[in-house]
Amino acid sequence: MVGQAEVPARPLEPALYLVATPIGNLADVTLRALETIAAADVLACEDTRVTRALLDRYGIRRRSTPYHEHNAEEAGPRLVEALLAGRSVALVSDAGTPLVSDPGYRLVERALEAGVRVVPVPGPSSVLAALVASGLPSDTFLFAGFLSPRDGQRRARLDELKTVPATLVFFESPRRLADALAVMADVLGESRPAAVARELTKTFEEIRRGTLGELAEHYRDTAAPKGEVVVCIGPPRAAEASGAGDLDGLLLSLAAEMPASKAAAEAARMTGLKKPDLYRRLLELRDAANGERR
């Protein structure tokens, strides 16, 4: 265990500090996060009991004040008043980076409107942890938070995202996972590659990869999993992301300004599709055009 003497409470400048905390394994906390938590005049957190476990692990003895979805309208103004009085405030979530699917953005909004400095203290993020371990394209991704538990709204949202040329990342409730995957497979297509990550950084961490159809079938036939769940879904195929004519037009437009290989690479960046597939298609288009001119 790291003792309190190893986490010096150095003075902090007055500001709102957004401090990322571990998503499971308490050893993932950064030294800067510990120093900020120990030194801030006010420590605001979602659940004081959850934050207490982190404080106890590192021998930090201090009080915390709750700031969560149910008291944000009351607690937010009080925290801004503290900031305007020249005090430093550290905001932590129960796990991961504050503001990601929690009400912290309202506090940041209020602080900025009041002219208060906002300082990120980066660290663990379940979104990025799941994405980089999913085996899916990570150069372009879209985090879409939680889907609605209502079937109609969930389907409508997925339909909006169906052709987005990026890896999609969602949070999902363990008890709703099977139903959500079934709807995802139905709306986005059973063949879309995907990954389900749960209990990240914990003892029973699991990352299951496959198509949406395979994952939907697996979780339909098993008991609801435990722990936090992140679902990553690969980008659509060329025919889904764009009409063939649109994609061909994009390739030819880029090829008019740069070499074929670079044009294919740029089209891959823009669409999330694979460069080799785009390069082959571009060569086919050029061959067809040359044949017409002969």
C-alpha atoms as a PDB file:
ATOM      1  CA  MET A   1       0.000   0.000   0.000  1.00  0.00           C
ATOM      2  CA  VAL A   2       1.173   3.506  -0.769  1.00  0.00           C
ATOM      3  CA  GLY A   3       1.156   5.630   2.400  1.00  0.00           C
ATOM      4  CA  GLN A   4      -0.133   9.152   2.740  1.00  0.00           C
ATOM      5  CA  ALA A   5       3.418  10.509   2.919  1.00  0.00           C
ATOM      6  CA  GLU A   6       3.933   9.350  -0.658  1.00  0.00           C
ATOM      7  CA  VAL A   7       1.059  11.506  -1.937  1.00  0.00           C
ATOM      8  CA  PRO A   8       2.184  15.047  -1.075  1.00  0.00           C
ATOM      9  CA  ALA A   9      -0.581  17.649  -0.947  1.00  0.00           C
ATOM     10  CA  ARG A  10       1.070  20.330  -3.049  1.00  0.00           C
ATOM     11  CA  PRO A  11      -0.841  23.607  -3.363  1.00  0.00           C
ATOM     12  CA  LEU A  12      -3.089  23.835  -6.415  1.00  0.00           C
ATOM     13  CA  GLU A  13      -4.011  26.921  -8.370  1.00  0.00           C
ATOM     14  CA  PRO A  14      -7.734  27.803  -8.151  1.00  0.00           C
ATOM     15  CA  ALA A  15      -9.415  25.825 -10.928  1.00  0.00           C
ATOM     16  CA  LEU A  16     -11.824  22.986 -11.637  1.00  0.00           C
ATOM     17  CA  TYR A  17      -9.764  19.804 -12.054  1.00  0.00           C
ATOM     18  CA  LEU A  18     -11.367  16.884 -13.947  1.00  0.00           C
ATOM     19  CA  VAL A  19      -9.596  13.849 -12.535  1.00  0.00           C
ATOM     20  CA  ALA A  20      -9.767  10.426 -14.184  1.00  0.00           C
ATOM     21  CA  THR A  21      -9.875   7.499 -11.754  1.00  0.00           C
ATOM     22  CA  PRO A  22      -9.443   3.722 -12.290  1.00  0.00           C
ATOM     23  CA  ILE A  23     -12.176   1.815 -14.124  1.00  0.00           C
ATOM     24  CA  GLY A  24     -11.490  -1.273 -12.038  1.00  0.00           C
ATOM     25  CA  ASN A  25      -7.893  -1.934 -11.103  1.00  0.00           C
ATOM     26  CA  LEU A  26      -6.943   0.678  -8.493  1.00  0.00           C
ATOM     27  CA  ALA A  27      -3.287   0.438  -9.549  1.00  0.00           C
ATOM     28  CA  ASP A  28      -4.171   2.260 -12.777  1.00  0.00           C
ATOM     29  CA  VAL A  29      -4.497   5.642 -11.051  1.00  0.00           C
ATOM     30  CA  THR A  30      -1.891   8.211 -12.060  1.00  0.00           C
ATOM     31  CA  LEU A  31       0.463   9.975  -9.665  1.00  0.00           C
ATOM     32  CA  ARG A  32      -0.870  13.331 -10.837  1.00  0.00           C
ATOM     33  CA  ALA A  33      -4.435  12.203 -10.088  1.00  0.00           C
ATOM     34  CA  LEU A  34      -3.489  11.233  -6.534  1.00  0.00           C
ATOM     35  CA  GLU A  35      -1.642  14.496  -5.970  1.00  0.00           C
ATOM     36  CA  THR A  36      -4.588  16.511  -7.294  1.00  0.00           C
ATOM     37  CA  ILE A  37      -7.135  14.617  -5.192  1.00  0.00           C
ATOM     38  CA  ALA A  38      -4.997  15.070  -2.076  1.00  0.00           C
ATOM     39  CA  ALA A  39      -4.312  18.767  -2.655  1.00  0.00           C
ATOM     40  CA  ALA A  40      -7.660  20.134  -3.872  1.00  0.00           C
ATOM     41  CA  ASP A  41      -9.588  22.328  -1.458  1.00  0.00           C
ATOM     42  CA  VAL A  42     -12.808  20.518  -2.416  1.00  0.00           C
ATOM     43  CA  LEU A  43     -13.177  16.936  -3.681  1.00  0.00           C
ATOM     44  CA  ALA A  44     -16.463  16.310  -5.507  1.00  0.00           C
ATOM     45  CA  CYS A  45     -17.486  12.795  -6.500  1.00  0.00           C
ATOM     46  CA  GLU A  46     -20.435  10.727  -7.720  1.00  0.00           C
ATOM     47  CA  ASP A  47     -20.550   8.317  -4.770  1.00  0.00           C
ATOM     48  CA  THR A  48     -18.548   9.089  -1.635  1.00  0.00           C
ATOM     49  CA  ARG A  49     -18.407   5.365  -0.763  1.00  0.00           C
ATOM     50  CA  VAL A  50     -16.800   4.444  -4.083  1.00  0.00           C
ATOM     51  CA  THR A  51     -14.295   7.278  -3.852  1.00  0.00           C
ATOM     52  CA  ARG A  52     -13.518   6.292  -0.250  1.00  0.00           C
ATOM     53  CA  ALA A  53     -12.177   2.935  -1.490  1.00  0.00           C
ATOM     54  CA  LEU A  54      -9.636   4.767  -3.678  1.00  0.00           C
ATOM     55  CA  LEU A  55      -8.698   7.200  -0.909  1.00  0.00           C
ATOM     56  CA  ASP A  56      -8.199   4.367   1.575  1.00  0.00           C
ATOM     57  CA  ARG A  57      -6.098   2.386  -0.896  1.00  0.00           C
ATOM     58  CA  TYR A  58      -3.608   5.250  -1.110  1.00  0.00           C
ATOM     59  CA  GLY A  59      -3.833   6.534   2.439  1.00  0.00           C
ATOM     60  CA  ILE A  60      -5.460   9.853   1.545  1.00  0.00           C
ATOM     61  CA  ARG A  61      -7.485  11.072   4.517  1.00  0.00           C
ATOM     62  CA  ARG A  62      -9.962  13.700   3.516  1.00  0.00           C
ATOM     63  CA  ARG A  63     -13.671  14.365   3.130  1.00  0.00           C
ATOM     64  CA  SER A  64     -15.518  14.407  -0.177  1.00  0.00           C
ATOM     65  CA  THR A  65     -18.773  16.008  -1.250  1.00  0.00           C
ATOM     66  CA  PRO A  66     -21.332  14.335  -3.533  1.00  0.00           C
ATOM     67  CA  TYR A  67     -22.012  15.665  -7.007  1.00  0.00           C
ATOM     68  CA  HIS A  68     -24.209  13.439  -9.164  1.00  0.00           C
ATOM     69  CA  GLU A  69     -27.175  13.448 -11.504  1.00  0.00           C
ATOM     70  CA  HIS A  70     -29.739  13.790  -8.702  1.00  0.00           C
ATOM     71  CA  ASN A  71     -28.161  16.761  -6.890  1.00  0.00           C
ATOM     72  CA  ALA A  72     -26.352  18.553  -9.742  1.00  0.00           C
ATOM     73  CA  GLU A  73     -28.752  21.505  -9.755  1.00  0.00           C
ATOM     74  CA  GLU A  74     -28.097  22.180  -6.068  1.00  0.00           C
ATOM     75  CA  ALA A  75     -24.466  21.095  -5.713  1.00  0.00           C
ATOM     76  CA  GLY A  76     -23.247  22.699  -8.947  1.00  0.00           C
ATOM     77  CA  PRO A  77     -23.792  26.344  -7.914  1.00  0.00           C
ATOM     78  CA  ARG A  78     -22.138  25.685  -4.532  1.00  0.00           C
ATOM     79  CA  LEU A  79     -19.041  24.289  -6.231  1.00  0.00           C
ATOM     80  CA  VAL A  80     -18.882  27.271  -8.602  1.00  0.00           C
ATOM     81  CA  GLU A  81     -19.147  29.604  -5.600  1.00  0.00           C
ATOM     82  CA  ALA A  82     -16.142  27.828  -4.074  1.00  0.00           C
ATOM     83  CA  LEU A  83     -14.236  28.253  -7.327  1.00  0.00           C
ATOM     84  CA  LEU A  84     -15.068  31.960  -7.529  1.00  0.00           C
ATOM     85  CA  ALA A  85     -13.857  32.316  -3.945  1.00  0.00           C
ATOM     86  CA  GLY A  86     -10.422  31.183  -5.109  1.00  0.00           C
ATOM     87  CA  ARG A  87     -10.610  27.549  -4.058  1.00  0.00           C
ATOM     88  CA  SER A  88      -9.547  24.508  -6.106  1.00  0.00           C
ATOM     89  CA  VAL A  89     -12.131  21.807  -6.853  1.00  0.00           C
ATOM     90  CA  ALA A  90     -11.319  18.270  -8.034  1.00  0.00           C
ATOM     91  CA  LEU A  91     -14.155  16.368  -9.716  1.00  0.00           C
ATOM     92  CA  VAL A  92     -13.985  12.575 -10.000  1.00  0.00           C
ATOM     93  CA  SER A  93     -16.490  10.026 -11.273  1.00  0.00           C
ATOM     94  CA  ASP A  94     -17.039   6.556  -9.834  1.00  0.00           C
ATOM     95  CA  ALA A  95     -14.774   5.136 -12.538  1.00  0.00           C
ATOM     96  CA  GLY A  96     -12.935   6.518 -15.546  1.00  0.00           C
ATOM     97  CA  THR A  97     -12.919  10.034 -16.933  1.00  0.00           C
ATOM     98  CA  PRO A  98     -15.470  12.571 -15.628  1.00  0.00           C
ATOM     99  CA  LEU A  99     -18.103  13.936 -18.047  1.00  0.00           C
ATOM    100  CA  VAL A 100     -18.268  10.683 -20.072  1.00  0.00           C
ATOM    101  CA  SER A 101     -21.927   9.718 -19.595  1.00  0.00           C
ATOM    102  CA  ASP A 102     -22.214  11.607 -16.287  1.00  0.00           C
ATOM    103  CA  PRO A 103     -23.506  15.083 -15.306  1.00  0.00           C
ATOM    104  CA  GLY A 104     -20.057  16.637 -14.936  1.00  0.00           C
ATOM    105  CA  TYR A 105     -20.500  18.575 -18.169  1.00  0.00           C
ATOM    106  CA  ARG A 106     -23.064  20.803 -16.444  1.00  0.00           C
ATOM    107  CA  LEU A 107     -20.501  21.776 -13.827  1.00  0.00           C
ATOM    108  CA  VAL A 108     -17.898  22.492 -16.512  1.00  0.00           C
ATOM    109  CA  GLU A 109     -20.457  24.592 -18.381  1.00  0.00           C
ATOM    110  CA  ARG A 110     -21.201  26.629 -15.262  1.00  0.00           C
ATOM    111  CA  ALA A 111     -17.507  27.036 -14.435  1.00  0.00           C
ATOM    112  CA  LEU A 112     -16.626  28.279 -17.912  1.00  0.00           C
ATOM    113  CA  GLU A 113     -19.545  30.705 -17.911  1.00  0.00           C
ATOM    114  CA  ALA A 114     -18.194  32.069 -14.620  1.00  0.00           C
ATOM    115  CA  GLY A 115     -14.732  32.503 -16.114  1.00  0.00           C
ATOM    116  CA  VAL A 116     -13.167  29.673 -14.097  1.00  0.00           C
ATOM    117  CA  ARG A 117     -10.205  27.711 -15.471  1.00  0.00           C
ATOM    118  CA  VAL A 118     -10.904  24.029 -16.234  1.00  0.00           C
ATOM    119  CA  VAL A 119      -7.972  21.589 -16.068  1.00  0.00           C
ATOM    120  CA  PRO A 120      -8.121  17.975 -17.346  1.00  0.00           C
ATOM    121  CA  VAL A 121      -6.126  15.367 -15.417  1.00  0.00           C
ATOM    122  CA  PRO A 122      -6.276  12.473 -17.908  1.00  0.00           C
ATOM    123  CA  GLY A 123      -6.148   8.796 -17.139  1.00  0.00           C
ATOM    124  CA  PRO A 124      -8.258   5.619 -17.435  1.00  0.00           C
ATOM    125  CA  SER A 125     -11.181   5.442 -19.877  1.00  0.00           C
ATOM    126  CA  SER A 126     -13.300   2.355 -20.525  1.00  0.00           C
ATOM    127  CA  VAL A 127     -14.187   3.729 -23.970  1.00  0.00           C
ATOM    128  CA  LEU A 128     -10.567   3.767 -25.120  1.00  0.00           C
ATOM    129  CA  ALA A 129      -9.635   0.572 -23.272  1.00  0.00           C
ATOM    130  CA  ALA A 130     -12.397  -1.341 -25.057  1.00  0.00           C
ATOM    131  CA  LEU A 131     -11.680   0.267 -28.424  1.00  0.00           C
ATOM    132  CA  VAL A 132      -7.968  -0.507 -28.528  1.00  0.00           C
ATOM    133  CA  ALA A 133      -8.518  -4.113 -27.416  1.00  0.00           C
ATOM    134  CA  SER A 134     -11.478  -4.772 -29.730  1.00  0.00           C
ATOM    135  CA  GLY A 135      -9.429  -5.475 -32.843  1.00  0.00           C
ATOM    136  CA  LEU A 136     -11.601  -3.007 -34.771  1.00  0.00           C
ATOM    137  CA  PRO A 137     -10.406   0.139 -36.629  1.00  0.00           C
ATOM    138  CA  SER A 138      -9.447   2.761 -34.063  1.00  0.00           C
ATOM    139  CA  ASP A 139      -8.341   5.659 -36.279  1.00  0.00           C
ATOM    140  CA  THR A 140     -11.929   6.923 -36.533  1.00  0.00           C
ATOM    141  CA  PHE A 141     -14.569   6.137 -33.911  1.00  0.00           C
ATOM    142  CA  LEU A 142     -17.809   7.543 -32.516  1.00  0.00           C
ATOM    143  CA  PHE A 143     -18.783   7.187 -28.860  1.00  0.00           C
ATOM    144  CA  ALA A 144     -22.582   7.092 -28.628  1.00  0.00           C
ATOM    145  CA  GLY A 145     -23.067   6.497 -24.885  1.00  0.00           C
ATOM    146  CA  PHE A 146     -26.103   4.472 -23.762  1.00  0.00           C
ATOM    147  CA  LEU A 147     -28.860   3.535 -26.179  1.00  0.00           C
ATOM    148  CA  SER A 148     -32.449   4.009 -25.064  1.00  0.00           C
ATOM    149  CA  PRO A 149     -33.982   0.930 -23.404  1.00  0.00           C
ATOM    150  CA  ARG A 150     -37.110   1.543 -25.497  1.00  0.00           C
ATOM    151  CA  ASP A 151     -37.081  -0.568 -28.627  1.00  0.00           C
ATOM    152  CA  GLY A 152     -38.398   2.084 -31.016  1.00  0.00           C
ATOM    153  CA  GLN A 153     -35.994   4.795 -29.876  1.00  0.00           C
ATOM    154  CA  ARG A 154     -33.092   2.341 -29.844  1.00  0.00           C
ATOM    155  CA  ARG A 155     -33.793   1.229 -33.413  1.00  0.00           C
ATOM    156  CA  ALA A 156     -34.172   4.810 -34.600  1.00  0.00           C
ATOM    157  CA  ARG A 157     -30.821   5.798 -33.095  1.00  0.00           C
ATOM    158  CA  LEU A 158     -29.045   2.792 -34.600  1.00  0.00           C
ATOM    159  CA  ASP A 159     -30.592   3.583 -37.970  1.00  0.00           C
ATOM    160  CA  GLU A 160     -29.104   7.103 -37.719  1.00  0.00           C
ATOM    161  CA  LEU A 161     -25.666   5.612 -37.029  1.00  0.00           C
ATOM    162  CA  LYS A 162     -25.896   2.762 -39.535  1.00  0.00           C
ATOM    163  CA  THR A 163     -23.802   4.363 -42.271  1.00  0.00           C
ATOM    164  CA  VAL A 164     -21.381   6.355 -40.108  1.00  0.00           C
ATOM    165  CA  PRO A 165     -17.921   5.425 -41.471  1.00  0.00           C
ATOM    166  CA  ALA A 166     -16.392   4.774 -38.049  1.00  0.00           C
ATOM    167  CA  THR A 167     -16.212   2.214 -35.270  1.00  0.00           C
ATOM    168  CA  LEU A 168     -19.188   2.745 -32.961  1.00  0.00           C
ATOM    169  CA  VAL A 169     -18.729   2.514 -29.185  1.00  0.00           C
ATOM    170  CA  PHE A 170     -21.633   2.124 -26.750  1.00  0.00           C
ATOM    171  CA  PHE A 171     -22.131   1.630 -23.029  1.00  0.00           C
ATOM    172  CA  GLU A 172     -24.747  -0.979 -22.194  1.00  0.00           C
ATOM    173  CA  SER A 173     -26.433  -2.404 -19.125  1.00  0.00           C
ATOM    174  CA  PRO A 174     -25.571  -6.083 -18.486  1.00  0.00           C
ATOM    175  CA  ARG A 175     -29.248  -6.999 -18.134  1.00  0.00           C
ATOM    176  CA  ARG A 176     -30.105  -5.336 -21.457  1.00  0.00           C
ATOM    177  CA  LEU A 177     -27.060  -6.606 -23.373  1.00  0.00           C
ATOM    178  CA  ALA A 178     -28.729  -9.590 -25.060  1.00  0.00           C
ATOM    179  CA  ASP A 179     -31.683  -7.524 -26.293  1.00  0.00           C
ATOM    180  CA  ALA A 180     -29.419  -4.678 -27.414  1.00  0.00           C
ATOM    181  CA  LEU A 181     -27.167  -7.004 -29.435  1.00  0.00           C
ATOM    182  CA  ALA A 182     -30.187  -8.610 -31.094  1.00  0.00           C
ATOM    183  CA  VAL A 183     -31.449  -5.179 -32.187  1.00  0.00           C
ATOM    184  CA  MET A 184     -27.969  -4.118 -33.309  1.00  0.00           C
ATOM    185  CA  ALA A 185     -27.673  -7.239 -35.455  1.00  0.00           C
ATOM    186  CA  ASP A 186     -31.115  -6.615 -36.932  1.00  0.00           C
ATOM    187  CA  VAL A 187     -30.546  -2.923 -37.743  1.00  0.00           C
ATOM    188  CA  LEU A 188     -26.836  -2.847 -38.556  1.00  0.00           C
ATOM    189  CA  GLY A 189     -26.513  -6.329 -40.029  1.00  0.00           C
ATOM    190  CA  GLU A 190     -25.529  -9.669 -38.530  1.00  0.00           C
ATOM    191  CA  SER A 191     -22.192  -9.686 -40.355  1.00  0.00           C
ATOM    192  CA  ARG A 192     -20.869  -6.443 -38.834  1.00  0.00           C
ATOM    193  CA  PRO A 193     -17.717  -7.198 -36.790  1.00  0.00           C
ATOM    194  CA  ALA A 194     -18.022  -6.292 -33.125  1.00  0.00           C
ATOM    195  CA  ALA A 195     -16.641  -6.847 -29.640  1.00  0.00           C
ATOM    196  CA  VAL A 196     -18.172  -6.932 -26.178  1.00  0.00           C
ATOM    197  CA  ALA A 197     -15.828  -5.866 -23.366  1.00  0.00           C
ATOM    198  CA  ARG A 198     -16.768  -6.224 -19.712  1.00  0.00           C
ATOM    199  CA  GLU A 199     -15.076  -6.011 -16.317  1.00  0.00           C
ATOM    200  CA  LEU A 200     -12.148  -4.212 -17.971  1.00  0.00           C
ATOM    201  CA  THR A 201      -8.930  -4.223 -15.872  1.00  0.00           C
ATOM    202  CA  LYS A 202     -10.606  -6.426 -13.247  1.00  0.00           C
ATOM    203  CA  THR A 203      -9.955 -10.077 -12.343  1.00  0.00           C
ATOM    204  CA  PHE A 204     -12.665 -11.464 -14.635  1.00  0.00           C
ATOM    205  CA  GLU A 205     -12.016  -9.195 -17.606  1.00  0.00           C
ATOM    206  CA  GLU A 206     -13.559 -10.539 -20.812  1.00  0.00           C
ATOM    207  CA  ILE A 207     -13.368  -9.291 -24.392  1.00  0.00           C
ATOM    208  CA  ARG A 208     -15.479 -11.392 -26.747  1.00  0.00           C
ATOM    209  CA  ARG A 209     -15.094 -10.709 -30.477  1.00  0.00           C
ATOM    210  CA  GLY A 210     -17.188 -11.847 -33.420  1.00  0.00           C
ATOM    211  CA  THR A 211     -19.960 -10.685 -35.712  1.00  0.00           C
ATOM    212  CA  LEU A 212     -23.030  -9.006 -34.259  1.00  0.00           C
ATOM    213  CA  GLY A 213     -25.010 -12.115 -35.141  1.00  0.00           C
ATOM    214  CA  GLU A 214     -22.579 -14.392 -33.295  1.00  0.00           C
ATOM    215  CA  LEU A 215     -22.446 -12.151 -30.242  1.00  0.00           C
ATOM    216  CA  ALA A 216     -26.223 -11.769 -30.139  1.00  0.00           C
ATOM    217  CA  GLU A 217     -26.596 -15.555 -30.241  1.00  0.00           C
ATOM    218  CA  HIS A 218     -23.983 -16.087 -27.507  1.00  0.00           C
ATOM    219  CA  TYR A 219     -25.494 -13.633 -25.030  1.00  0.00           C
ATOM    220  CA  ARG A 220     -29.027 -14.769 -25.858  1.00  0.00           C
ATOM    221  CA  ASP A 221     -28.120 -18.275 -24.691  1.00  0.00           C
ATOM    222  CA  THR A 222     -26.157 -17.294 -21.552  1.00  0.00           C
ATOM    223  CA  ALA A 223     -27.045 -15.617 -18.282  1.00  0.00           C
ATOM    224  CA  ALA A 224     -26.761 -11.842 -18.154  1.00  0.00           C
ATOM    225  CA  PRO A 225     -23.099 -10.973 -17.574  1.00  0.00           C
ATOM    226  CA  LYS A 226     -21.888  -9.045 -14.548  1.00  0.00           C
ATOM    227  CA  GLY A 227     -20.010  -5.758 -14.550  1.00  0.00           C
ATOM    228  CA  GLU A 228     -19.821  -2.704 -16.767  1.00  0.00           C
ATOM    229  CA  VAL A 229     -20.178  -3.436 -20.502  1.00  0.00           C
ATOM    230  CA  VAL A 230     -18.764  -1.639 -23.544  1.00  0.00           C
ATOM    231  CA  VAL A 231     -19.848  -2.657 -27.055  1.00  0.00           C
ATOM    232  CA  CYS A 232     -17.692  -1.797 -30.083  1.00  0.00           C
ATOM    233  CA  ILE A 233     -19.034  -2.230 -33.623  1.00  0.00           C
ATOM    234  CA  GLY A 234     -16.857  -2.014 -36.728  1.00  0.00           C
ATOM    235  CA  PRO A 235     -17.570   0.455 -39.557  1.00  0.00           C
ATOM    236  CA  PRO A 236     -19.941  -0.502 -42.385  1.00  0.00           C
ATOM    237  CA  ARG A 237     -18.787  -2.078 -45.596  1.00  0.00           C
ATOM    238  CA  ALA A 238     -18.398   0.105 -48.664  1.00  0.00           C
ATOM    239  CA  ALA A 239     -21.881  -0.627 -49.960  1.00  0.00           C
ATOM    240  CA  GLU A 240     -23.399   0.326 -46.609  1.00  0.00           C
ATOM    241  CA  ALA A 241     -21.306   3.401 -45.941  1.00  0.00           C
ATOM    242  CA  SER A 242     -21.996   5.001 -49.268  1.00  0.00           C
ATOM    243  CA  GLY A 243     -23.707   4.285 -52.516  1.00  0.00           C
ATOM    244  CA  ALA A 244     -21.356   2.724 -55.072  1.00  0.00           C
ATOM    245  CA  GLY A 245     -21.615   5.787 -57.267  1.00  0.00           C
ATOM    246  CA  ASP A 246     -20.736   8.111 -54.405  1.00  0.00           C
ATOM    247  CA  LEU A 247     -17.720   6.028 -53.422  1.00  0.00           C
ATOM    248  CA  ASP A 248     -16.489   5.776 -57.015  1.00  0.00           C
ATOM    249  CA  GLY A 249     -16.872   9.500 -57.399  1.00  0.00           C
ATOM    250  CA  LEU A 250     -14.868  10.109 -54.257  1.00  0.00           C
ATOM    251  CA  LEU A 251     -12.062   7.836 -55.440  1.00  0.00           C
ATOM    252  CA  LEU A 252     -11.887   9.436 -58.891  1.00  0.00           C
ATOM    253  CA  SER A 253     -11.972  12.928 -57.405  1.00  0.00           C
ATOM    254  CA  LEU A 254      -9.073  12.164 -55.082  1.00  0.00           C
ATOM    255  CA  ALA A 255      -7.116  10.358 -57.805  1.00  0.00           C
ATOM    256  CA  ALA A 256      -7.296  13.468 -59.967  1.00  0.00           C
ATOM    257  CA  GLU A 257      -5.232  15.314 -57.362  1.00  0.00           C
ATOM    258  CA  MET A 258      -2.822  12.649 -56.053  1.00  0.00           C
ATOM    259  CA  PRO A 259      -1.288   9.232 -56.857  1.00  0.00           C
ATOM    260  CA  ALA A 260      -3.595   6.206 -56.701  1.00  0.00           C
ATOM    261  CA  SER A 261      -2.064   4.791 -53.525  1.00  0.00           C
ATOM    262  CA  LYS A 262      -2.369   8.100 -51.691  1.00  0.00           C
ATOM    263  CA  ALA A 263      -5.912   8.577 -53.015  1.00  0.00           C
ATOM    264  CA  ALA A 264      -6.899   5.167 -51.656  1.00  0.00           C
ATOM    265  CA  ALA A 265      -5.314   5.989 -48.288  1.00  0.00           C
ATOM    266  CA  GLU A 266      -7.191   9.286 -48.071  1.00  0.00           C
ATOM    267  CA  ALA A 267     -10.474   7.619 -49.031  1.00  0.00           C
ATOM    268  CA  ALA A 268      -9.856   5.005 -46.331  1.00  0.00           C
ATOM    269  CA  ARG A 269      -9.339   7.764 -43.771  1.00  0.00           C
ATOM    270  CA  MET A 270     -12.530   9.516 -44.826  1.00  0.00           C
ATOM    271  CA  THR A 271     -14.773   6.448 -45.012  1.00  0.00           C
ATOM    272  CA  GLY A 272     -13.288   3.996 -42.513  1.00  0.00           C
ATOM    273  CA  LEU A 273     -13.014   1.397 -45.277  1.00  0.00           C
ATOM    274  CA  LYS A 274      -9.927  -0.687 -46.015  1.00  0.00           C
ATOM    275  CA  LYS A 275      -7.242   0.895 -48.202  1.00  0.00           C
ATOM    276  CA  PRO A 276      -6.478  -2.291 -50.248  1.00  0.00           C
ATOM    277  CA  ASP A 277     -10.148  -2.648 -51.193  1.00  0.00           C
ATOM    278  CA  LEU A 278     -10.352   1.001 -52.217  1.00  0.00           C
ATOM    279  CA  TYR A 279      -7.086   0.807 -54.161  1.00  0.00           C
ATOM    280  CA  ARG A 280      -8.353  -2.206 -56.129  1.00  0.00           C
ATOM    281  CA  ARG A 281     -11.612  -0.415 -56.868  1.00  0.00           C
ATOM    282  CA  LEU A 282      -9.752   2.656 -58.082  1.00  0.00           C
ATOM    283  CA  LEU A 283      -7.648   0.551 -60.457  1.00  0.00           C
ATOM    284  CA  GLU A 284     -10.839  -1.081 -61.765  1.00  0.00           C
ATOM    285  CA  LEU A 285     -12.336   2.352 -62.435  1.00  0.00           C
ATOM    286  CA  ARG A 286      -9.192   3.474 -64.257  1.00  0.00           C
ATOM    287  CA  ASP A 287      -9.095   0.303 -66.352  1.00  0.00           C
ATOM    288  CA  ALA A 288     -12.748   0.766 -67.285  1.00  0.00           C
ATOM    289  CA  ALA A 289     -12.131   4.393 -68.246  1.00  0.00           C
ATOM    290  CA  ASN A 290      -9.109   3.458 -70.376  1.00  0.00           C
ATOM    291  CA  GLY A 291     -11.137   0.751 -72.100  1.00  0.00           C
ATOM    292  CA  GLU A 292     -13.824   3.238 -73.048  1.00  0.00           C
ATOM    293  CA  ARG A 293     -11.249   5.590 -74.573  1.00  0.00           C
ATOM    294  CA  ARG A 294      -9.672   2.900 -76.752  1.00  0.00           C
END
